[in-house]
Protein backbone atom coordinates (compact mmCIF):
# COMPACT_ATOMS: atom_id res chain seq x y z
CA MET A 1 4.52 16.39 41.28
CA ALA A 2 2.85 16.49 37.88
CA TYR A 3 4.80 14.85 35.10
CA ASN A 4 5.76 16.98 32.10
CA PHE A 5 4.30 15.31 28.99
CA SER A 6 5.44 18.04 26.57
CA ASP A 7 8.10 15.82 24.93
CA PHE A 8 5.50 13.13 24.30
CA LYS A 9 3.05 15.70 22.92
CA ASN A 10 5.74 17.08 20.59
CA GLU A 11 6.65 13.59 19.42
CA SER A 12 2.97 12.82 18.78
CA LYS A 13 2.57 16.01 16.76
CA ASN A 14 5.73 15.25 14.77
CA THR A 15 4.44 11.75 14.03
CA GLU A 16 1.08 13.13 12.90
CA ASP A 17 2.84 15.66 10.63
CA TRP A 18 5.10 12.93 9.23
CA LEU A 19 2.11 10.71 8.44
CA GLY A 20 0.29 13.59 6.73
CA LYS A 21 3.36 14.28 4.58
CA GLU A 22 3.70 10.60 3.69
CA PHE A 23 0.03 10.46 2.70
CA SER A 24 0.33 13.60 0.56
CA GLN A 25 2.88 11.77 -1.57
CA ILE A 26 0.51 8.89 -2.35
CA HIS A 27 -1.49 9.89 -5.38
CA THR A 28 -5.18 9.19 -5.52
CA GLY A 29 -5.72 9.80 -9.22
CA VAL A 30 -6.30 13.49 -8.58
CA ALA A 31 -3.64 16.02 -9.61
CA THR A 32 -1.83 17.46 -6.61
CA PRO A 33 1.50 19.33 -6.67
CA ALA A 34 2.42 17.75 -3.30
CA LEU A 35 3.10 14.47 -5.10
CA LEU A 36 6.11 16.10 -6.77
CA ASP A 37 7.56 17.44 -3.50
CA GLY A 38 9.80 14.43 -2.97
CA ILE A 39 11.34 14.61 -6.46
CA GLN A 40 14.71 16.37 -6.70
CA VAL A 41 16.10 17.68 -9.98
CA GLU A 42 19.81 18.43 -10.49
CA ILE A 43 20.21 21.93 -11.85
CA TYR A 44 23.42 23.96 -11.98
CA GLY A 45 25.27 21.31 -9.95
CA SER A 46 22.87 21.06 -7.02
CA LYS A 47 19.71 19.11 -6.31
CA MET A 48 16.53 21.13 -5.85
CA ALA A 49 12.83 20.47 -5.54
CA ILE A 50 10.90 20.96 -8.77
CA SER A 51 8.88 23.73 -7.10
CA HIS A 52 12.15 25.68 -6.65
CA VAL A 53 12.95 25.72 -10.37
CA ALA A 54 9.49 25.90 -11.94
CA SER A 55 5.95 26.99 -11.29
CA ILE A 56 3.49 24.15 -10.79
CA SER A 57 -0.19 24.75 -11.41
CA ILE A 58 -3.27 22.56 -11.64
CA GLU A 59 -4.83 22.52 -15.12
CA ASP A 60 -7.67 20.15 -14.29
CA SER A 61 -8.43 17.35 -11.84
CA ARG A 62 -5.95 14.99 -13.53
CA THR A 63 -3.30 17.33 -14.97
CA LEU A 64 -0.53 19.53 -13.60
CA ARG A 65 1.29 22.16 -15.66
CA ILE A 66 5.01 22.63 -14.93
CA SER A 67 6.59 25.78 -16.36
CA PRO A 68 10.35 25.92 -15.68
CA TRP A 69 11.84 29.36 -15.27
CA ASP A 70 14.78 28.21 -17.40
CA LYS A 71 13.31 26.34 -20.40
CA SER A 72 16.62 24.53 -20.99
CA GLN A 73 15.94 22.52 -17.81
CA LEU A 74 12.70 21.02 -19.15
CA LYS A 75 14.25 17.73 -20.32
CA GLU A 76 15.95 17.16 -16.94
CA ILE A 77 12.69 17.82 -15.07
CA GLU A 78 10.87 15.38 -17.36
CA ARG A 79 13.61 12.77 -16.85
CA VAL A 80 13.42 12.87 -13.03
CA ILE A 81 9.61 12.71 -13.03
CA VAL A 82 9.64 9.65 -15.30
CA SER A 83 12.47 7.99 -13.32
CA ALA A 84 10.59 8.56 -10.03
CA ASN A 85 8.29 5.76 -11.22
CA LEU A 86 5.09 7.29 -9.87
CA GLY A 87 3.00 6.11 -12.80
CA LEU A 88 2.54 9.63 -14.14
CA GLY A 89 2.38 10.55 -17.80
CA THR A 90 4.40 13.48 -19.13
CA SER A 91 4.19 15.51 -22.33
CA VAL A 92 6.36 18.47 -23.27
CA ASP A 93 5.07 21.44 -25.27
CA ASP A 94 6.20 25.00 -26.03
CA ASN A 95 5.02 26.39 -22.69
CA GLY A 96 6.45 23.69 -20.43
CA MET A 97 5.18 20.28 -19.55
CA ARG A 98 1.99 18.54 -18.60
CA VAL A 99 2.00 15.82 -15.97
CA SER A 100 -1.10 13.65 -16.19
CA PHE A 101 -2.41 11.44 -13.42
CA PRO A 102 -3.93 8.28 -14.86
CA PRO A 103 -7.15 6.94 -13.35
CA LEU A 104 -6.42 4.35 -10.69
CA THR A 105 -7.28 0.74 -11.36
CA THR A 106 -8.92 -1.31 -8.60
CA GLU A 107 -5.71 -3.30 -8.22
CA ARG A 108 -3.61 -0.13 -7.85
CA ARG A 109 -6.07 1.31 -5.32
CA GLU A 110 -5.72 -1.85 -3.23
CA GLN A 111 -1.91 -1.65 -3.42
CA LEU A 112 -1.99 1.99 -2.32
CA ALA A 113 -4.40 1.15 0.50
CA LYS A 114 -1.87 -1.41 1.77
CA ILE A 115 0.85 1.24 1.67
CA VAL A 116 -1.41 3.63 3.59
CA ARG A 117 -2.05 0.96 6.25
CA ALA A 118 1.71 0.23 6.50
CA LYS A 119 2.49 3.94 7.01
CA PHE A 120 -0.28 4.10 9.63
CA GLU A 121 1.21 1.13 11.47
CA GLU A 122 4.67 2.73 11.34
CA ALA A 123 3.22 5.89 12.91
CA ARG A 124 1.52 3.84 15.65
CA ILE A 125 4.83 2.15 16.42
CA ARG A 126 6.42 5.59 16.83
CA ILE A 127 3.70 6.57 19.30
CA ARG A 128 4.09 3.27 21.15
CA THR A 129 7.87 3.75 21.39
CA SER A 130 7.40 7.26 22.78
CA ARG A 131 4.88 5.93 25.28
CA GLU A 132 7.36 3.29 26.47
CA ASP A 133 10.08 5.93 26.90
CA VAL A 134 7.80 8.14 29.00
CA TRP A 135 6.54 5.18 31.08
CA ASP A 136 10.13 4.08 31.75
CA ASP A 137 10.97 7.62 32.88
CA ILE A 138 7.93 7.72 35.20
CA GLN A 139 8.87 4.37 36.75
CA THR A 140 12.47 5.50 37.22
CA LYS A 141 11.30 8.65 39.04
CA GLU A 142 9.02 6.59 41.26
CA LYS A 143 11.81 4.13 42.13
CA ALA A 144 14.17 7.02 42.89
CA GLY A 145 11.63 8.37 45.38
CA VAL A 146 10.99 11.55 43.39
CA MET A 147 7.39 10.59 42.68
CA PRO A 148 4.91 8.79 44.96
CA GLU A 149 3.34 5.55 43.72
CA ASP A 150 -0.19 6.95 43.44
CA GLU A 151 1.16 9.82 41.35
CA LYS A 152 2.86 7.26 39.09
CA PHE A 153 -0.49 5.63 38.33
CA ARG A 154 -2.19 8.99 37.78
CA ASN A 155 0.55 9.83 35.28
CA LYS A 156 0.12 6.43 33.64
CA ASP A 157 -3.59 7.16 33.15
CA GLU A 158 -2.81 10.61 31.75
CA LEU A 159 -0.21 9.08 29.40
CA GLN A 160 -2.77 6.55 28.16
CA LYS A 161 -5.24 9.37 27.42
CA LEU A 162 -2.57 11.15 25.37
CA VAL A 163 -1.71 7.92 23.52
CA ASP A 164 -5.38 7.29 22.72
CA GLU A 165 -5.79 10.86 21.49
CA ALA A 166 -2.70 10.58 19.25
CA ASN A 167 -3.82 7.22 17.84
CA ASN A 168 -7.30 8.62 17.12
CA LYS A 169 -5.75 11.48 15.12
CA LEU A 170 -3.63 9.00 13.15
CA GLU A 171 -6.68 6.80 12.54
CA THR A 172 -8.67 9.81 11.28
CA LEU A 173 -5.88 10.75 8.82
CA THR A 174 -5.70 7.15 7.60
CA GLU A 175 -9.46 6.79 7.12
CA LYS A 176 -9.56 10.06 5.19
CA LYS A 177 -6.76 8.90 2.87
CA GLU A 178 -8.41 5.51 2.34
CA ARG A 179 -11.68 7.24 1.39
CA GLU A 180 -9.77 9.36 -1.14
CA LEU A 181 -8.15 6.25 -2.59
CA MET A 182 -11.32 4.23 -2.91
CA GLY A 183 -13.09 7.16 -4.52
């Protein structure tokens, strides 16, 4: 009886997606609209993502242009960006607002690298927890007589291959983000 690892594979994929999203919100000194994804602005009594109330475009490698569809909302958008404390500069003009990404100092790069490593470790813990859940389930099935002992160890080996594969993907994402940070 082959064990169904689809739940583990889904959990691994979800963890990889989560880590990628977390990394997209860590700015590397290069303008990226994804950094603003986590910022909510209150407009007409409800909270919305900035991308839902304005167009966001890249002016150059260090500057985003935000053009709200309702110009009266410009001050509120500026306020939430400043209060998000991302270290971004803002300037308002007739056409909307510019969000500038300052160059990263060596100290800030090191701080961000620590955050990247912490997120990576959190993702590895998620994978480890999923592995333990699957291993417990395999052992329970073997004890209940549903699965023979040799099949249990084959499934354990297969599980370890899946864990190694998931960890390698997480490591690749982390190394890529660290290279971006260190320039």
